[in-house]
Amino acid sequence: MSELRMVELSAATIVAVNNLSLKPGQEQFLAPVSYGIAATVINPQTSWQRVILDRNEVVGFVSANFDSEAPEEHFRSVLWRINVDADDQGRGVGRYAVEALVEEARSRGVDHVDVIYEAGEGGPETFFHRVGFTPVGETEYGEVIAEIRITT
């Protein structure tokens, strides 16, 4: 990991984000059912989307939502998606993205960030635990709801 930095998603970076590669088997964990259903009511004014660059190369993407009026509590402050290019996984890119998300949440006065994921071998559960998320519940579809508490 050399010079990681974060920039807003833009027309200049979206193609590279869409071309991020995954390790075999990871595609099945990209979008839990809950996210697909909630996506129909996401307010673009409350979304937070950032691209992670290493020097000038796109190596990751993180998308979150901060909406205190979302109908479901676990969608009020939520990590929607984190993608790190297959060749860059294990280098700290994902941790860097989560730390930046936590800082953003702190700056907004939020006391936690949720994430929803499907448990399973090869899935994101180990990563989420390693960066500080703790399971706190389950969605109506059997997906794990985990949170990371924000300390001041």
C-alpha atoms as a PDB file:
ATOM      1  CA  MET A   1       0.000   0.000   0.000  1.00  0.00           C
ATOM      2  CA  SER A   2       1.592   3.225  -1.022  1.00  0.00           C
ATOM      3  CA  GLU A   3      -0.399   6.406  -1.435  1.00  0.00           C
ATOM      4  CA  LEU A   4      -4.063   5.723  -0.749  1.00  0.00           C
ATOM      5  CA  ARG A   5      -6.467   8.599  -1.031  1.00  0.00           C
ATOM      6  CA  MET A   6     -10.202   8.973  -1.438  1.00  0.00           C
ATOM      7  CA  VAL A   7     -12.127  11.019  -3.967  1.00  0.00           C
ATOM      8  CA  GLU A   8     -15.814  11.415  -4.769  1.00  0.00           C
ATOM      9  CA  LEU A   9     -17.280   9.131  -7.406  1.00  0.00           C
ATOM     10  CA  SER A  10     -17.307  11.034 -10.688  1.00  0.00           C
ATOM     11  CA  ALA A  11     -17.643  10.596 -14.427  1.00  0.00           C
ATOM     12  CA  ALA A  12     -13.848  10.313 -14.547  1.00  0.00           C
ATOM     13  CA  THR A  13     -13.757   7.335 -12.152  1.00  0.00           C
ATOM     14  CA  ILE A  14     -17.028   5.468 -12.658  1.00  0.00           C
ATOM     15  CA  VAL A  15     -15.806   3.301 -15.544  1.00  0.00           C
ATOM     16  CA  ALA A  16     -12.815   2.131 -13.506  1.00  0.00           C
ATOM     17  CA  VAL A  17     -15.088   1.416 -10.524  1.00  0.00           C
ATOM     18  CA  ASN A  18     -17.370  -0.670 -12.741  1.00  0.00           C
ATOM     19  CA  ASN A  19     -14.334  -2.626 -13.951  1.00  0.00           C
ATOM     20  CA  LEU A  20     -13.018  -3.573 -10.500  1.00  0.00           C
ATOM     21  CA  SER A  21     -12.385  -7.315 -10.475  1.00  0.00           C
ATOM     22  CA  LEU A  22     -13.467  -9.796  -7.831  1.00  0.00           C
ATOM     23  CA  LYS A  23     -11.937 -13.001  -6.601  1.00  0.00           C
ATOM     24  CA  PRO A  24     -13.787 -16.138  -7.743  1.00  0.00           C
ATOM     25  CA  GLY A  25     -16.977 -16.660  -5.739  1.00  0.00           C
ATOM     26  CA  GLN A  26     -17.211 -13.110  -4.368  1.00  0.00           C
ATOM     27  CA  GLU A  27     -19.862 -11.998  -6.851  1.00  0.00           C
ATOM     28  CA  GLN A  28     -22.538 -13.941  -4.971  1.00  0.00           C
ATOM     29  CA  PHE A  29     -22.058 -11.644  -1.959  1.00  0.00           C
ATOM     30  CA  LEU A  30     -22.321  -8.286  -3.734  1.00  0.00           C
ATOM     31  CA  ALA A  31     -25.899  -7.297  -2.980  1.00  0.00           C
ATOM     32  CA  PRO A  32     -28.009  -8.878  -0.261  1.00  0.00           C
ATOM     33  CA  VAL A  33     -31.772  -8.968  -0.924  1.00  0.00           C
ATOM     34  CA  SER A  34     -32.343  -6.187   1.643  1.00  0.00           C
ATOM     35  CA  TYR A  35     -30.182  -3.793  -0.347  1.00  0.00           C
ATOM     36  CA  GLY A  36     -32.029  -4.467  -3.572  1.00  0.00           C
ATOM     37  CA  ILE A  37     -35.341  -3.702  -1.930  1.00  0.00           C
ATOM     38  CA  ALA A  38     -34.067  -0.599  -0.108  1.00  0.00           C
ATOM     39  CA  ALA A  39     -32.390   0.729  -3.262  1.00  0.00           C
ATOM     40  CA  THR A  40     -35.783   1.744  -4.570  1.00  0.00           C
ATOM     41  CA  VAL A  41     -36.066   4.380  -1.834  1.00  0.00           C
ATOM     42  CA  ILE A  42     -32.490   5.704  -1.565  1.00  0.00           C
ATOM     43  CA  ASN A  43     -32.249   9.463  -1.576  1.00  0.00           C
ATOM     44  CA  PRO A  44     -29.313  10.652  -3.717  1.00  0.00           C
ATOM     45  CA  GLN A  45     -28.978  13.589  -1.311  1.00  0.00           C
ATOM     46  CA  THR A  46     -28.023  11.243   1.543  1.00  0.00           C
ATOM     47  CA  SER A  47     -25.685   8.867  -0.275  1.00  0.00           C
ATOM     48  CA  TRP A  48     -21.911   8.969   0.218  1.00  0.00           C
ATOM     49  CA  GLN A  49     -19.876   7.384  -2.584  1.00  0.00           C
ATOM     50  CA  ARG A  50     -16.098   7.430  -2.707  1.00  0.00           C
ATOM     51  CA  VAL A  51     -13.399   5.929  -4.881  1.00  0.00           C
ATOM     52  CA  ILE A  52     -10.124   4.759  -3.378  1.00  0.00           C
ATOM     53  CA  LEU A  53      -7.044   5.541  -5.407  1.00  0.00           C
ATOM     54  CA  ASP A  54      -3.515   4.217  -5.005  1.00  0.00           C
ATOM     55  CA  ARG A  55      -1.469   6.910  -6.642  1.00  0.00           C
ATOM     56  CA  ASN A  56      -3.862   7.526  -9.562  1.00  0.00           C
ATOM     57  CA  GLU A  57      -5.155   3.975 -10.019  1.00  0.00           C
ATOM     58  CA  VAL A  58      -8.665   3.049  -8.873  1.00  0.00           C
ATOM     59  CA  VAL A  59      -8.309   0.187  -6.380  1.00  0.00           C
ATOM     60  CA  GLY A  60     -11.621   0.340  -4.515  1.00  0.00           C
ATOM     61  CA  PHE A  61     -15.047   1.823  -4.043  1.00  0.00           C
ATOM     62  CA  VAL A  62     -17.199   2.477  -0.983  1.00  0.00           C
ATOM     63  CA  SER A  63     -20.847   3.513  -0.890  1.00  0.00           C
ATOM     64  CA  ALA A  64     -22.812   4.450   2.210  1.00  0.00           C
ATOM     65  CA  ASN A  65     -26.013   6.216   3.133  1.00  0.00           C
ATOM     66  CA  PHE A  66     -26.754   8.659   5.943  1.00  0.00           C
ATOM     67  CA  ASP A  67     -30.501   9.210   6.185  1.00  0.00           C
ATOM     68  CA  SER A  68     -31.934   9.779   9.648  1.00  0.00           C
ATOM     69  CA  GLU A  69     -35.436   9.426   8.205  1.00  0.00           C
ATOM     70  CA  ALA A  70     -34.974   6.044   6.481  1.00  0.00           C
ATOM     71  CA  PRO A  71     -37.913   3.770   7.305  1.00  0.00           C
ATOM     72  CA  GLU A  72     -35.680   0.967   8.636  1.00  0.00           C
ATOM     73  CA  GLU A  73     -33.244   1.758  11.476  1.00  0.00           C
ATOM     74  CA  HIS A  74     -30.470  -0.305   9.870  1.00  0.00           C
ATOM     75  CA  PHE A  75     -30.626   1.876   6.729  1.00  0.00           C
ATOM     76  CA  ARG A  76     -30.193   5.207   8.545  1.00  0.00           C
ATOM     77  CA  SER A  77     -26.408   4.975   8.674  1.00  0.00           C
ATOM     78  CA  VAL A  78     -25.321   2.088   6.484  1.00  0.00           C
ATOM     79  CA  LEU A  79     -22.379   0.831   4.490  1.00  0.00           C
ATOM     80  CA  TRP A  80     -24.014  -0.187   1.213  1.00  0.00           C
ATOM     81  CA  ARG A  81     -21.057  -1.531  -0.653  1.00  0.00           C
ATOM     82  CA  ILE A  82     -17.330  -1.885  -0.432  1.00  0.00           C
ATOM     83  CA  ASN A  83     -15.413  -3.291  -3.371  1.00  0.00           C
ATOM     84  CA  VAL A  84     -11.660  -3.712  -3.524  1.00  0.00           C
ATOM     85  CA  ASP A  85     -10.062  -4.924  -6.730  1.00  0.00           C
ATOM     86  CA  ALA A  86      -9.054  -8.586  -6.478  1.00  0.00           C
ATOM     87  CA  ASP A  87      -5.363  -7.769  -7.002  1.00  0.00           C
ATOM     88  CA  ASP A  88      -5.454  -5.198  -4.198  1.00  0.00           C
ATOM     89  CA  GLN A  89      -7.311  -7.208  -1.546  1.00  0.00           C
ATOM     90  CA  GLY A  90      -5.318  -7.841   1.610  1.00  0.00           C
ATOM     91  CA  ARG A  91      -3.307  -4.619   1.303  1.00  0.00           C
ATOM     92  CA  GLY A  92      -5.379  -2.466   3.686  1.00  0.00           C
ATOM     93  CA  VAL A  93      -7.548  -0.766   1.058  1.00  0.00           C
ATOM     94  CA  GLY A  94     -10.801  -1.997   2.627  1.00  0.00           C
ATOM     95  CA  ARG A  95      -9.688  -1.017   6.122  1.00  0.00           C
ATOM     96  CA  TYR A  96      -8.759   2.433   4.793  1.00  0.00           C
ATOM     97  CA  ALA A  97     -12.255   2.773   3.270  1.00  0.00           C
ATOM     98  CA  VAL A  98     -14.013   1.731   6.491  1.00  0.00           C
ATOM     99  CA  GLU A  99     -11.876   4.117   8.566  1.00  0.00           C
ATOM    100  CA  ALA A 100     -12.811   6.969   6.192  1.00  0.00           C
ATOM    101  CA  LEU A 101     -16.479   5.992   6.473  1.00  0.00           C
ATOM    102  CA  VAL A 102     -16.258   6.001  10.276  1.00  0.00           C
ATOM    103  CA  GLU A 103     -14.707   9.476  10.157  1.00  0.00           C
ATOM    104  CA  GLU A 104     -17.516  10.680   7.900  1.00  0.00           C
ATOM    105  CA  ALA A 105     -20.100   9.217  10.290  1.00  0.00           C
ATOM    106  CA  ARG A 106     -18.364  10.885  13.251  1.00  0.00           C
ATOM    107  CA  SER A 107     -18.393  14.249  11.449  1.00  0.00           C
ATOM    108  CA  ARG A 108     -22.166  13.848  10.956  1.00  0.00           C
ATOM    109  CA  GLY A 109     -22.740  13.065  14.637  1.00  0.00           C
ATOM    110  CA  VAL A 110     -23.753   9.460  13.964  1.00  0.00           C
ATOM    111  CA  ASP A 111     -23.093   6.941  16.747  1.00  0.00           C
ATOM    112  CA  HIS A 112     -22.811   3.812  14.585  1.00  0.00           C
ATOM    113  CA  VAL A 113     -22.711   2.486  11.034  1.00  0.00           C
ATOM    114  CA  ASP A 114     -24.515  -0.697  10.019  1.00  0.00           C
ATOM    115  CA  VAL A 115     -23.674  -3.181   7.313  1.00  0.00           C
ATOM    116  CA  ILE A 116     -25.825  -6.000   5.996  1.00  0.00           C
ATOM    117  CA  TYR A 117     -24.298  -9.092   4.476  1.00  0.00           C
ATOM    118  CA  GLU A 118     -24.955 -12.705   3.696  1.00  0.00           C
ATOM    119  CA  ALA A 119     -22.899 -15.097   5.772  1.00  0.00           C
ATOM    120  CA  GLY A 120     -21.045 -17.799   3.907  1.00  0.00           C
ATOM    121  CA  GLU A 121     -17.664 -19.145   2.987  1.00  0.00           C
ATOM    122  CA  GLY A 122     -15.760 -16.699   0.818  1.00  0.00           C
ATOM    123  CA  GLY A 123     -18.052 -13.850   1.865  1.00  0.00           C
ATOM    124  CA  PRO A 124     -17.278 -10.564   3.594  1.00  0.00           C
ATOM    125  CA  GLU A 125     -17.991 -11.657   7.193  1.00  0.00           C
ATOM    126  CA  THR A 126     -14.342 -12.175   8.200  1.00  0.00           C
ATOM    127  CA  PHE A 127     -13.387  -8.777   6.794  1.00  0.00           C
ATOM    128  CA  PHE A 128     -16.234  -6.982   8.576  1.00  0.00           C
ATOM    129  CA  HIS A 129     -15.315  -8.589  11.898  1.00  0.00           C
ATOM    130  CA  ARG A 130     -11.639  -7.730  11.411  1.00  0.00           C
ATOM    131  CA  VAL A 131     -12.379  -4.024  10.860  1.00  0.00           C
ATOM    132  CA  GLY A 132     -14.651  -3.776  13.899  1.00  0.00           C
ATOM    133  CA  PHE A 133     -18.217  -4.645  12.885  1.00  0.00           C
ATOM    134  CA  THR A 134     -20.166  -6.737  15.404  1.00  0.00           C
ATOM    135  CA  PRO A 135     -23.322  -8.707  14.518  1.00  0.00           C
ATOM    136  CA  VAL A 136     -26.403  -7.196  16.201  1.00  0.00           C
ATOM    137  CA  GLY A 137     -29.330  -8.751  14.376  1.00  0.00           C
ATOM    138  CA  GLU A 138     -30.789 -10.253  11.274  1.00  0.00           C
ATOM    139  CA  THR A 139     -32.956  -8.952   8.438  1.00  0.00           C
ATOM    140  CA  GLU A 140     -36.264 -10.518   7.518  1.00  0.00           C
ATOM    141  CA  TYR A 141     -34.339 -12.342   4.760  1.00  0.00           C
ATOM    142  CA  GLY A 142     -31.861 -13.957   7.162  1.00  0.00           C
ATOM    143  CA  GLU A 143     -28.956 -11.631   6.385  1.00  0.00           C
ATOM    144  CA  VAL A 144     -26.631 -10.473   9.131  1.00  0.00           C
ATOM    145  CA  ILE A 145     -26.918  -6.897  10.420  1.00  0.00           C
ATOM    146  CA  ALA A 146     -23.647  -5.787  11.991  1.00  0.00           C
ATOM    147  CA  GLU A 147     -22.607  -2.420  13.361  1.00  0.00           C
ATOM    148  CA  ILE A 148     -19.480  -0.536  14.174  1.00  0.00           C
ATOM    149  CA  ARG A 149     -19.846   1.917  17.053  1.00  0.00           C
ATOM    150  CA  ILE A 150     -18.497   5.432  16.599  1.00  0.00           C
ATOM    151  CA  THR A 151     -16.541   6.779  19.543  1.00  0.00           C
ATOM    152  CA  THR A 152     -16.011  10.488  20.058  1.00  0.00           C
END
